[in-house]
PDB file of N, CA and C in Angstrom:
ATOM      1  N   UNK A   1       0.843  -1.141   0.028  1.00  0.00           N
ATOM      2  CA  UNK A   1       0.005  -0.069   0.011  1.00  0.00           C
ATOM      3  C   UNK A   1       0.831   1.156   0.010  1.00  0.00           C
ATOM      4  N   UNK A   2       0.519   2.164  -0.882  1.00  0.00           N
ATOM      5  CA  UNK A   2       1.381   3.417  -0.920  1.00  0.00           C
ATOM      6  C   UNK A   2       0.466   4.606  -1.200  1.00  0.00           C
ATOM      7  N   UNK A   3       0.913   5.787  -0.819  1.00  0.00           N
ATOM      8  CA  UNK A   3       0.219   7.077  -0.905  1.00  0.00           C
ATOM      9  C   UNK A   3       1.064   8.050  -1.598  1.00  0.00           C
ATOM     10  N   UNK A   4       0.526   8.752  -2.535  1.00  0.00           N
ATOM     11  CA  UNK A   4       1.314   9.789  -3.207  1.00  0.00           C
ATOM     12  C   UNK A   4       0.433  11.080  -3.270  1.00  0.00           C
ATOM     13  N   UNK A   5       1.202  12.177  -3.194  1.00  0.00           N
ATOM     14  CA  UNK A   5       0.504  13.545  -3.229  1.00  0.00           C
ATOM     15  C   UNK A   5       1.486  14.452  -3.953  1.00  0.00           C
ATOM     16  N   UNK A   6       1.070  14.984  -5.148  1.00  0.00           N
ATOM     17  CA  UNK A   6       1.808  15.829  -5.923  1.00  0.00           C
ATOM     18  C   UNK A   6       0.942  16.991  -6.259  1.00  0.00           C
ATOM     19  N   UNK A   7       1.226  18.196  -5.800  1.00  0.00           N
ATOM     20  CA  UNK A   7       0.414  19.353  -6.158  1.00  0.00           C
ATOM     21  C   UNK A   7      -0.994  19.103  -5.720  1.00  0.00           C
ATOM     22  N   UNK A   8      -1.919  19.280  -6.724  1.00  0.00           N
ATOM     23  CA  UNK A   8      -3.300  19.076  -6.460  1.00  0.00           C
ATOM     24  C   UNK A   8      -3.780  17.579  -6.770  1.00  0.00           C
ATOM     25  N   UNK A   9      -2.815  16.704  -6.913  1.00  0.00           N
ATOM     26  CA  UNK A   9      -3.158  15.279  -7.228  1.00  0.00           C
ATOM     27  C   UNK A   9      -2.860  14.348  -6.099  1.00  0.00           C
ATOM     28  N   UNK A  10      -3.786  13.385  -5.872  1.00  0.00           N
ATOM     29  CA  UNK A  10      -3.512  12.416  -4.749  1.00  0.00           C
ATOM     30  C   UNK A  10      -3.834  11.041  -5.269  1.00  0.00           C
ATOM     31  N   UNK A  11      -3.207  10.041  -4.732  1.00  0.00           N
ATOM     32  CA  UNK A  11      -3.410   8.644  -5.118  1.00  0.00           C
ATOM     33  C   UNK A  11      -3.129   7.713  -3.911  1.00  0.00           C
ATOM     34  N   UNK A  12      -3.872   6.611  -3.953  1.00  0.00           N
ATOM     35  CA  UNK A  12      -3.648   5.451  -3.047  1.00  0.00           C
ATOM     36  C   UNK A  12      -3.493   4.229  -3.956  1.00  0.00           C
ATOM     37  N   UNK A  13      -2.496   3.463  -3.737  1.00  0.00           N
ATOM     38  CA  UNK A  13      -2.243   2.292  -4.496  1.00  0.00           C
ATOM     39  C   UNK A  13      -2.237   1.119  -3.565  1.00  0.00           C
ATOM     40  N   UNK A  14      -3.061   0.046  -3.931  1.00  0.00           N
ATOM     41  CA  UNK A  14      -3.035  -1.169  -3.178  1.00  0.00           C
ATOM     42  C   UNK A  14      -2.476  -2.161  -4.143  1.00  0.00           C
ATOM     43  N   UNK A  15      -1.345  -2.901  -3.731  1.00  0.00           N
ATOM     44  CA  UNK A  15      -0.776  -3.887  -4.626  1.00  0.00           C
ATOM     45  C   UNK A  15      -0.624  -5.187  -3.912  1.00  0.00           C
ATOM     46  N   UNK A  16      -1.040  -6.282  -4.624  1.00  0.00           N
ATOM     47  CA  UNK A  16      -0.817  -7.590  -4.057  1.00  0.00           C
ATOM     48  C   UNK A  16       0.649  -7.997  -4.083  1.00  0.00           C
ATOM     49  N   UNK A  17       1.286  -7.708  -5.206  1.00  0.00           N
ATOM     50  CA  UNK A  17       2.800  -7.913  -5.349  1.00  0.00           C
ATOM     51  C   UNK A  17       3.385  -6.581  -5.786  1.00  0.00           C
ATOM     52  N   UNK A  18       4.276  -5.949  -5.018  1.00  0.00           N
ATOM     53  CA  UNK A  18       4.831  -4.659  -5.338  1.00  0.00           C
ATOM     54  C   UNK A  18       5.451  -4.652  -6.752  1.00  0.00           C
ATOM     55  N   UNK A  19       5.119  -3.542  -7.488  1.00  0.00           N
ATOM     56  CA  UNK A  19       5.603  -3.322  -8.863  1.00  0.00           C
ATOM     57  C   UNK A  19       5.104  -4.356  -9.855  1.00  0.00           C
ATOM     58  N   UNK A  20       3.975  -4.964  -9.616  1.00  0.00           N
ATOM     59  CA  UNK A  20       3.353  -5.981 -10.508  1.00  0.00           C
ATOM     60  C   UNK A  20       2.110  -5.331 -11.038  1.00  0.00           C
ATOM     61  N   UNK A  21       1.712  -5.746 -12.287  1.00  0.00           N
ATOM     62  CA  UNK A  21       0.492  -5.429 -12.864  1.00  0.00           C
ATOM     63  C   UNK A  21      -0.619  -6.378 -12.603  1.00  0.00           C
ATOM     64  N   UNK A  22      -0.415  -7.301 -11.597  1.00  0.00           N
ATOM     65  CA  UNK A  22      -1.339  -8.299 -11.246  1.00  0.00           C
ATOM     66  C   UNK A  22      -1.819  -7.949  -9.844  1.00  0.00           C
ATOM     67  N   UNK A  23      -3.071  -7.874  -9.650  1.00  0.00           N
ATOM     68  CA  UNK A  23      -3.598  -7.709  -8.313  1.00  0.00           C
ATOM     69  C   UNK A  23      -3.387  -6.312  -7.733  1.00  0.00           C
ATOM     70  N   UNK A  24      -3.886  -5.255  -8.360  1.00  0.00           N
ATOM     71  CA  UNK A  24      -3.730  -3.858  -7.795  1.00  0.00           C
ATOM     72  C   UNK A  24      -4.980  -3.102  -7.967  1.00  0.00           C
ATOM     73  N   UNK A  25      -5.160  -2.095  -7.119  1.00  0.00           N
ATOM     74  CA  UNK A  25      -6.250  -1.159  -7.204  1.00  0.00           C
ATOM     75  C   UNK A  25      -5.610   0.217  -6.963  1.00  0.00           C
ATOM     76  N   UNK A  26      -5.829   1.112  -7.886  1.00  0.00           N
ATOM     77  CA  UNK A  26      -5.334   2.497  -7.776  1.00  0.00           C
ATOM     78  C   UNK A  26      -6.525   3.423  -7.798  1.00  0.00           C
ATOM     79  N   UNK A  27      -6.481   4.393  -6.821  1.00  0.00           N
ATOM     80  CA  UNK A  27      -7.507   5.413  -6.757  1.00  0.00           C
ATOM     81  C   UNK A  27      -6.799   6.719  -6.801  1.00  0.00           C
ATOM     82  N   UNK A  28      -7.222   7.551  -7.766  1.00  0.00           N
ATOM     83  CA  UNK A  28      -6.556   8.924  -7.947  1.00  0.00           C
ATOM     84  C   UNK A  28      -7.582   9.956  -8.019  1.00  0.00           C
ATOM     85  N   UNK A  29      -7.222  11.241  -7.663  1.00  0.00           N
ATOM     86  CA  UNK A  29      -8.124  12.379  -7.895  1.00  0.00           C
ATOM     87  C   UNK A  29      -7.220  13.635  -7.981  1.00  0.00           C
ATOM     88  N   UNK A  30      -7.602  14.397  -8.966  1.00  0.00           N
ATOM     89  CA  UNK A  30      -6.803  15.658  -9.228  1.00  0.00           C
ATOM     90  C   UNK A  30      -7.757  16.795  -9.019  1.00  0.00           C
ATOM     91  N   UNK A  31      -7.335  17.779  -8.353  1.00  0.00           N
ATOM     92  CA  UNK A  31      -8.252  18.923  -7.982  1.00  0.00           C
ATOM     93  C   UNK A  31      -7.969  20.155  -8.793  1.00  0.00           C
ATOM     94  N   UNK A  32      -7.097  20.075  -9.795  1.00  0.00           N
ATOM     95  CA  UNK A  32      -6.766  21.332 -10.592  1.00  0.00           C
ATOM     96  C   UNK A  32      -7.893  21.706 -11.533  1.00  0.00           C
ATOM     97  N   UNK A  33      -8.723  20.818 -11.912  1.00  0.00           N
ATOM     98  CA  UNK A  33      -9.887  21.060 -12.775  1.00  0.00           C
ATOM     99  C   UNK A  33     -11.139  20.484 -12.084  1.00  0.00           C
ATOM    100  N   UNK A  34     -12.320  21.143 -12.339  1.00  0.00           N
ATOM    101  CA  UNK A  34     -13.577  20.522 -11.763  1.00  0.00           C
ATOM    102  C   UNK A  34     -13.782  19.136 -12.308  1.00  0.00           C
ATOM    103  N   UNK A  35     -14.072  18.257 -11.420  1.00  0.00           N
ATOM    104  CA  UNK A  35     -14.173  16.764 -11.795  1.00  0.00           C
ATOM    105  C   UNK A  35     -15.500  16.123 -11.444  1.00  0.00           C
ATOM    106  N   UNK A  36     -16.435  17.021 -10.908  1.00  0.00           N
ATOM    107  CA  UNK A  36     -17.750  16.433 -10.613  1.00  0.00           C
ATOM    108  C   UNK A  36     -17.694  15.463  -9.380  1.00  0.00           C
ATOM    109  N   UNK A  37     -16.633  15.470  -8.620  1.00  0.00           N
ATOM    110  CA  UNK A  37     -16.543  14.569  -7.489  1.00  0.00           C
ATOM    111  C   UNK A  37     -16.095  13.169  -7.839  1.00  0.00           C
ATOM    112  N   UNK A  38     -15.596  13.014  -9.150  1.00  0.00           N
ATOM    113  CA  UNK A  38     -15.262  11.664  -9.566  1.00  0.00           C
ATOM    114  C   UNK A  38     -13.799  11.344  -9.341  1.00  0.00           C
ATOM    115  N   UNK A  39     -13.471  10.164  -8.988  1.00  0.00           N
ATOM    116  CA  UNK A  39     -12.127   9.637  -8.842  1.00  0.00           C
ATOM    117  C   UNK A  39     -11.799   8.808 -10.010  1.00  0.00           C
ATOM    118  N   UNK A  40     -10.552   8.697 -10.315  1.00  0.00           N
ATOM    119  CA  UNK A  40     -10.029   7.781 -11.410  1.00  0.00           C
ATOM    120  C   UNK A  40      -9.751   6.495 -10.602  1.00  0.00           C
ATOM    121  N   UNK A  41     -10.337   5.373 -11.116  1.00  0.00           N
ATOM    122  CA  UNK A  41     -10.147   4.060 -10.578  1.00  0.00           C
ATOM    123  C   UNK A  41      -9.456   3.146 -11.622  1.00  0.00           C
ATOM    124  N   UNK A  42      -8.452   2.429 -11.224  1.00  0.00           N
ATOM    125  CA  UNK A  42      -7.853   1.504 -12.167  1.00  0.00           C
ATOM    126  C   UNK A  42      -7.438   0.310 -11.333  1.00  0.00           C
ATOM    127  N   UNK A  43      -7.729  -0.875 -12.052  1.00  0.00           N
ATOM    128  CA  UNK A  43      -7.387  -2.259 -11.485  1.00  0.00           C
ATOM    129  C   UNK A  43      -6.802  -3.036 -12.604  1.00  0.00           C
ATOM    130  N   UNK A  44      -6.414  -4.213 -12.291  1.00  0.00           N
ATOM    131  CA  UNK A  44      -5.867  -5.124 -13.239  1.00  0.00           C
ATOM    132  C   UNK A  44      -6.926  -5.691 -14.082  1.00  0.00           C
ATOM    133  N   UNK A  45      -8.197  -5.529 -13.773  1.00  0.00           N
ATOM    134  CA  UNK A  45      -9.388  -5.871 -14.510  1.00  0.00           C
ATOM    135  C   UNK A  45     -10.017  -4.643 -15.172  1.00  0.00           C
ATOM    136  N   UNK A  46      -9.854  -4.558 -16.535  1.00  0.00           N
ATOM    137  CA  UNK A  46     -10.185  -3.315 -17.220  1.00  0.00           C
ATOM    138  C   UNK A  46     -11.723  -2.920 -17.079  1.00  0.00           C
ATOM    139  N   UNK A  47     -12.538  -3.886 -16.702  1.00  0.00           N
ATOM    140  CA  UNK A  47     -13.925  -3.665 -16.482  1.00  0.00           C
ATOM    141  C   UNK A  47     -14.110  -2.660 -15.350  1.00  0.00           C
ATOM    142  N   UNK A  48     -13.130  -2.468 -14.447  1.00  0.00           N
ATOM    143  CA  UNK A  48     -13.305  -1.696 -13.288  1.00  0.00           C
ATOM    144  C   UNK A  48     -12.346  -0.489 -13.482  1.00  0.00           C
ATOM    145  N   UNK A  49     -12.141  -0.002 -14.592  1.00  0.00           N
ATOM    146  CA  UNK A  49     -11.240   1.166 -14.871  1.00  0.00           C
ATOM    147  C   UNK A  49     -12.072   2.386 -15.393  1.00  0.00           C
ATOM    148  N   UNK A  50     -11.757   3.517 -14.945  1.00  0.00           N
ATOM    149  CA  UNK A  50     -12.409   4.746 -15.431  1.00  0.00           C
ATOM    150  C   UNK A  50     -12.592   5.768 -14.401  1.00  0.00           C
ATOM    151  N   UNK A  51     -13.359   6.824 -14.681  1.00  0.00           N
ATOM    152  CA  UNK A  51     -13.724   7.898 -13.723  1.00  0.00           C
ATOM    153  C   UNK A  51     -15.073   7.588 -13.136  1.00  0.00           C
ATOM    154  N   UNK A  52     -15.143   7.511 -11.891  1.00  0.00           N
ATOM    155  CA  UNK A  52     -16.375   7.203 -11.176  1.00  0.00           C
ATOM    156  C   UNK A  52     -16.619   8.059  -9.912  1.00  0.00           C
ATOM    157  N   UNK A  53     -17.928   8.313  -9.663  1.00  0.00           N
ATOM    158  CA  UNK A  53     -18.222   8.922  -8.364  1.00  0.00           C
ATOM    159  C   UNK A  53     -18.571   7.697  -7.421  1.00  0.00           C
ATOM    160  N   UNK A  54     -17.978   7.673  -6.353  1.00  0.00           N
ATOM    161  CA  UNK A  54     -18.171   6.549  -5.418  1.00  0.00           C
ATOM    162  C   UNK A  54     -19.427   6.779  -4.738  1.00  0.00           C
ATOM    163  N   UNK A  55     -20.400   5.858  -4.753  1.00  0.00           N
ATOM    164  CA  UNK A  55     -21.658   5.964  -4.168  1.00  0.00           C
ATOM    165  C   UNK A  55     -21.478   5.740  -2.607  1.00  0.00           C
ATOM    166  N   UNK A  56     -20.640   4.798  -2.246  1.00  0.00           N
ATOM    167  CA  UNK A  56     -20.316   4.530  -0.906  1.00  0.00           C
ATOM    168  C   UNK A  56     -18.840   4.174  -0.815  1.00  0.00           C
ATOM    169  N   UNK A  57     -18.175   4.459   0.288  1.00  0.00           N
ATOM    170  CA  UNK A  57     -16.841   4.055   0.511  1.00  0.00           C
ATOM    171  C   UNK A  57     -16.634   3.820   1.994  1.00  0.00           C
ATOM    172  N   UNK A  58     -15.912   2.794   2.355  1.00  0.00           N
ATOM    173  CA  UNK A  58     -15.706   2.474   3.766  1.00  0.00           C
ATOM    174  C   UNK A  58     -14.284   2.037   4.005  1.00  0.00           C
ATOM    175  N   UNK A  59     -13.621   2.518   5.025  1.00  0.00           N
ATOM    176  CA  UNK A  59     -12.279   2.136   5.286  1.00  0.00           C
ATOM    177  C   UNK A  59     -12.185   1.680   6.738  1.00  0.00           C
ATOM    178  N   UNK A  60     -11.584   0.469   6.943  1.00  0.00           N
ATOM    179  CA  UNK A  60     -11.311  -0.059   8.226  1.00  0.00           C
ATOM    180  C   UNK A  60      -9.815  -0.370   8.278  1.00  0.00           C
ATOM    181  N   UNK A  61      -9.359  -0.906   9.402  1.00  0.00           N
ATOM    182  CA  UNK A  61      -7.969  -1.225   9.511  1.00  0.00           C
ATOM    183  C   UNK A  61      -7.453  -2.406   8.629  1.00  0.00           C
ATOM    184  N   UNK A  62      -8.506  -3.144   8.029  1.00  0.00           N
ATOM    185  CA  UNK A  62      -8.114  -4.297   7.314  1.00  0.00           C
ATOM    186  C   UNK A  62      -8.597  -4.292   5.882  1.00  0.00           C
ATOM    187  N   UNK A  63      -9.638  -3.340   5.625  1.00  0.00           N
ATOM    188  CA  UNK A  63     -10.296  -3.387   4.329  1.00  0.00           C
ATOM    189  C   UNK A  63     -10.776  -2.035   3.916  1.00  0.00           C
ATOM    190  N   UNK A  64     -10.685  -1.805   2.493  1.00  0.00           N
ATOM    191  CA  UNK A  64     -11.317  -0.634   1.876  1.00  0.00           C
ATOM    192  C   UNK A  64     -12.331  -1.115   0.971  1.00  0.00           C
ATOM    193  N   UNK A  65     -13.498  -0.687   1.028  1.00  0.00           N
ATOM    194  CA  UNK A  65     -14.561  -0.986   0.207  1.00  0.00           C
ATOM    195  C   UNK A  65     -15.157   0.228  -0.565  1.00  0.00           C
ATOM    196  N   UNK A  66     -15.355   0.000  -1.856  1.00  0.00           N
ATOM    197  CA  UNK A  66     -15.942   1.134  -2.616  1.00  0.00           C
ATOM    198  C   UNK A  66     -17.043   0.717  -3.527  1.00  0.00           C
ATOM    199  N   UNK A  67     -18.113   1.429  -3.552  1.00  0.00           N
ATOM    200  CA  UNK A  67     -19.266   1.016  -4.417  1.00  0.00           C
ATOM    201  C   UNK A  67     -19.474   2.187  -5.422  1.00  0.00           C
ATOM    202  N   UNK A  68     -19.585   1.874  -6.725  1.00  0.00           N
ATOM    203  CA  UNK A  68     -19.643   2.902  -7.796  1.00  0.00           C
ATOM    204  C   UNK A  68     -20.481   2.325  -8.894  1.00  0.00           C
ATOM    205  N   UNK A  69     -20.894   3.270  -9.839  1.00  0.00           N
ATOM    206  CA  UNK A  69     -21.666   2.852 -10.971  1.00  0.00           C
ATOM    207  C   UNK A  69     -23.124   2.667 -10.707  1.00  0.00           C
ATOM    208  N   UNK A  70     -23.852   2.529 -11.759  1.00  0.00           N
ATOM    209  CA  UNK A  70     -25.275   2.299 -11.603  1.00  0.00           C
ATOM    210  C   UNK A  70     -25.639   1.240 -12.780  1.00  0.00           C
ATOM    211  N   UNK A  71     -26.447   0.377 -12.522  1.00  0.00           N
ATOM    212  CA  UNK A  71     -26.994  -0.552 -13.457  1.00  0.00           C
ATOM    213  C   UNK A  71     -25.868  -1.130 -14.392  1.00  0.00           C
ATOM    214  N   UNK A  72     -24.999  -1.978 -13.930  1.00  0.00           N
ATOM    215  CA  UNK A  72     -24.980  -2.491 -12.622  1.00  0.00           C
ATOM    216  C   UNK A  72     -24.117  -1.710 -11.657  1.00  0.00           C
ATOM    217  N   UNK A  73     -24.560  -1.787 -10.399  1.00  0.00           N
ATOM    218  CA  UNK A  73     -23.700  -1.206  -9.299  1.00  0.00           C
ATOM    219  C   UNK A  73     -22.493  -2.158  -9.111  1.00  0.00           C
ATOM    220  N   UNK A  74     -21.339  -1.532  -8.997  1.00  0.00           N
ATOM    221  CA  UNK A  74     -20.096  -2.352  -8.807  1.00  0.00           C
ATOM    222  C   UNK A  74     -19.537  -2.083  -7.491  1.00  0.00           C
ATOM    223  N   UNK A  75     -18.840  -3.127  -6.937  1.00  0.00           N
ATOM    224  CA  UNK A  75     -18.255  -3.055  -5.604  1.00  0.00           C
ATOM    225  C   UNK A  75     -16.892  -3.729  -5.711  1.00  0.00           C
ATOM    226  N   UNK A  76     -15.932  -3.037  -5.079  1.00  0.00           N
ATOM    227  CA  UNK A  76     -14.564  -3.669  -4.925  1.00  0.00           C
ATOM    228  C   UNK A  76     -14.236  -3.618  -3.429  1.00  0.00           C
ATOM    229  N   UNK A  77     -13.597  -4.640  -2.961  1.00  0.00           N
ATOM    230  CA  UNK A  77     -13.094  -4.658  -1.608  1.00  0.00           C
ATOM    231  C   UNK A  77     -11.699  -5.073  -1.636  1.00  0.00           C
ATOM    232  N   UNK A  78     -10.849  -4.334  -0.977  1.00  0.00           N
ATOM    233  CA  UNK A  78      -9.423  -4.564  -0.955  1.00  0.00           C
ATOM    234  C   UNK A  78      -9.047  -4.866   0.500  1.00  0.00           C
ATOM    235  N   UNK A  79      -8.383  -5.984   0.760  1.00  0.00           N
ATOM    236  CA  UNK A  79      -7.962  -6.386   2.078  1.00  0.00           C
ATOM    237  C   UNK A  79      -6.461  -6.067   2.213  1.00  0.00           C
ATOM    238  N   UNK A  80      -5.980  -5.581   3.336  1.00  0.00           N
ATOM    239  CA  UNK A  80      -4.686  -5.248   3.455  1.00  0.00           C
ATOM    240  C   UNK A  80      -4.203  -5.203   4.951  1.00  0.00           C
ATOM    241  N   UNK A  81      -2.916  -5.130   5.103  1.00  0.00           N
ATOM    242  CA  UNK A  81      -2.257  -4.990   6.479  1.00  0.00           C
ATOM    243  C   UNK A  81      -1.518  -3.623   6.408  1.00  0.00           C
ATOM    244  N   UNK A  82      -1.529  -2.891   7.469  1.00  0.00           N
ATOM    245  CA  UNK A  82      -0.880  -1.590   7.555  1.00  0.00           C
ATOM    246  C   UNK A  82      -0.338  -1.276   8.964  1.00  0.00           C
ATOM    247  N   UNK A  83       0.712  -0.492   8.923  1.00  0.00           N
ATOM    248  CA  UNK A  83       1.181   0.014  10.261  1.00  0.00           C
ATOM    249  C   UNK A  83       0.271   1.242  10.500  1.00  0.00           C
ATOM    250  N   UNK A  84       0.353   1.663  11.848  1.00  0.00           N
ATOM    251  CA  UNK A  84      -0.457   2.744  12.272  1.00  0.00           C
ATOM    252  C   UNK A  84      -0.250   3.967  11.376  1.00  0.00           C
ATOM    253  N   UNK A  85       1.083   4.258  11.120  1.00  0.00           N
ATOM    254  CA  UNK A  85       1.376   5.457  10.281  1.00  0.00           C
ATOM    255  C   UNK A  85       0.958   5.370   8.840  1.00  0.00           C
ATOM    256  N   UNK A  86       1.087   4.191   8.330  1.00  0.00           N
ATOM    257  CA  UNK A  86       0.610   4.048   6.913  1.00  0.00           C
ATOM    258  C   UNK A  86      -0.946   4.155   6.820  1.00  0.00           C
ATOM    259  N   UNK A  87      -1.615   3.490   7.747  1.00  0.00           N
ATOM    260  CA  UNK A  87      -3.078   3.537   7.822  1.00  0.00           C
ATOM    261  C   UNK A  87      -3.545   5.042   7.907  1.00  0.00           C
ATOM    262  N   UNK A  88      -2.920   5.719   8.828  1.00  0.00           N
ATOM    263  CA  UNK A  88      -3.312   7.141   9.080  1.00  0.00           C
ATOM    264  C   UNK A  88      -3.084   8.003   7.798  1.00  0.00           C
ATOM    265  N   UNK A  89      -1.999   7.702   7.106  1.00  0.00           N
ATOM    266  CA  UNK A  89      -1.756   8.428   5.761  1.00  0.00           C
ATOM    267  C   UNK A  89      -2.820   8.091   4.715  1.00  0.00           C
ATOM    268  N   UNK A  90      -3.145   6.741   4.598  1.00  0.00           N
ATOM    269  CA  UNK A  90      -4.129   6.348   3.647  1.00  0.00           C
ATOM    270  C   UNK A  90      -5.503   6.941   4.008  1.00  0.00           C
ATOM    271  N   UNK A  91      -5.810   6.888   5.228  1.00  0.00           N
ATOM    272  CA  UNK A  91      -7.075   7.544   5.679  1.00  0.00           C
ATOM    273  C   UNK A  91      -7.097   9.029   5.338  1.00  0.00           C
ATOM    274  N   UNK A  92      -6.117   9.707   5.604  1.00  0.00           N
ATOM    275  CA  UNK A  92      -5.986  11.192   5.320  1.00  0.00           C
ATOM    276  C   UNK A  92      -6.265  11.422   3.872  1.00  0.00           C
ATOM    277  N   UNK A  93      -5.502  10.776   3.034  1.00  0.00           N
ATOM    278  CA  UNK A  93      -5.648  10.967   1.588  1.00  0.00           C
ATOM    279  C   UNK A  93      -6.978  10.522   1.087  1.00  0.00           C
ATOM    280  N   UNK A  94      -7.488   9.326   1.500  1.00  0.00           N
ATOM    281  CA  UNK A  94      -8.775   8.978   1.029  1.00  0.00           C
ATOM    282  C   UNK A  94      -9.809   9.908   1.412  1.00  0.00           C
ATOM    283  N   UNK A  95      -9.764  10.542   2.566  1.00  0.00           N
ATOM    284  CA  UNK A  95     -10.740  11.562   2.994  1.00  0.00           C
ATOM    285  C   UNK A  95     -10.671  12.777   2.144  1.00  0.00           C
ATOM    286  N   UNK A  96      -9.512  13.143   1.598  1.00  0.00           N
ATOM    287  CA  UNK A  96      -9.417  14.328   0.668  1.00  0.00           C
ATOM    288  C   UNK A  96     -10.076  13.926  -0.579  1.00  0.00           C
ATOM    289  N   UNK A  97      -9.794  12.760  -1.094  1.00  0.00           N
ATOM    290  CA  UNK A  97     -10.371  12.332  -2.365  1.00  0.00           C
ATOM    291  C   UNK A  97     -11.835  11.931  -2.362  1.00  0.00           C
ATOM    292  N   UNK A  98     -12.281  11.384  -1.249  1.00  0.00           N
ATOM    293  CA  UNK A  98     -13.672  10.893  -1.041  1.00  0.00           C
ATOM    294  C   UNK A  98     -14.169  11.484   0.287  1.00  0.00           C
ATOM    295  N   UNK A  99     -14.619  12.736   0.337  1.00  0.00           N
ATOM    296  CA  UNK A  99     -15.016  13.298   1.617  1.00  0.00           C
ATOM    297  C   UNK A  99     -16.027  12.496   2.346  1.00  0.00           C
ATOM    298  N   UNK A 100     -16.905  11.845   1.650  1.00  0.00           N
ATOM    299  CA  UNK A 100     -17.979  11.117   2.240  1.00  0.00           C
ATOM    300  C   UNK A 100     -17.585   9.749   2.851  1.00  0.00           C
ATOM    301  N   UNK A 101     -16.339   9.389   2.764  1.00  0.00           N
ATOM    302  CA  UNK A 101     -15.910   8.062   3.241  1.00  0.00           C
ATOM    303  C   UNK A 101     -16.192   7.801   4.708  1.00  0.00           C
ATOM    304  N   UNK A 102     -16.627   6.643   4.975  1.00  0.00           N
ATOM    305  CA  UNK A 102     -16.885   6.223   6.341  1.00  0.00           C
ATOM    306  C   UNK A 102     -15.674   5.428   6.854  1.00  0.00           C
ATOM    307  N   UNK A 103     -15.057   5.913   7.948  1.00  0.00           N
ATOM    308  CA  UNK A 103     -13.969   5.235   8.573  1.00  0.00           C
ATOM    309  C   UNK A 103     -14.288   4.638   9.863  1.00  0.00           C
ATOM    310  N   UNK A 104     -13.726   3.385  10.089  1.00  0.00           N
ATOM    311  CA  UNK A 104     -13.912   2.737  11.323  1.00  0.00           C
ATOM    312  C   UNK A 104     -12.632   2.856  12.183  1.00  0.00           C
ATOM    313  N   UNK A 105     -12.763   3.124  13.357  1.00  0.00           N
ATOM    314  CA  UNK A 105     -11.603   3.192  14.339  1.00  0.00           C
ATOM    315  C   UNK A 105     -11.262   1.778  14.636  1.00  0.00           C
ATOM    316  N   UNK A 106     -10.031   1.605  15.008  1.00  0.00           N
ATOM    317  CA  UNK A 106      -9.495   0.179  15.329  1.00  0.00           C
ATOM    318  C   UNK A 106     -10.206  -0.324  16.535  1.00  0.00           C
ATOM    319  N   UNK A 107     -10.680   0.524  17.538  1.00  0.00           N
ATOM    320  CA  UNK A 107     -11.408   0.042  18.625  1.00  0.00           C
ATOM    321  C   UNK A 107     -12.944  -0.387  18.261  1.00  0.00           C
ATOM    322  N   UNK A 108     -13.443   0.173  17.171  1.00  0.00           N
ATOM    323  CA  UNK A 108     -14.728  -0.227  16.698  1.00  0.00           C
ATOM    324  C   UNK A 108     -14.882  -1.446  15.871  1.00  0.00           C
ATOM    325  N   UNK A 109     -13.674  -1.875  15.410  1.00  0.00           N
ATOM    326  CA  UNK A 109     -13.752  -3.015  14.436  1.00  0.00           C
ATOM    327  C   UNK A 109     -13.821  -4.340  15.213  1.00  0.00           C
ATOM    328  N   UNK A 110     -14.479  -5.332  14.695  1.00  0.00           N
ATOM    329  CA  UNK A 110     -14.648  -6.556  15.280  1.00  0.00           C
ATOM    330  C   UNK A 110     -13.532  -7.477  14.758  1.00  0.00           C
TER     331      UNK A 110
END
């Protein structure tokens, strides 16, 4: 898992195998131009690539879920392990990109 911030652009990358094109989810958003609240989503499955407004998003200490699209509604869940500092940085950047995101505190998670 990695976080990048350059100027008005933000991204979070979840990778199954570092530097591999297999098993990854990338979420980006750039604020230099109006984007209608859409994030760019890219995965190794081209069906799940493009600019989308997330209908729901939820972040916990072990999982990031996002729901987007209509007819059909699509859902992606990413499972991960993170240190406290990495989780805090991912949470910070995802809140910038997706202000409506619901985050669960470690003490609230079962």
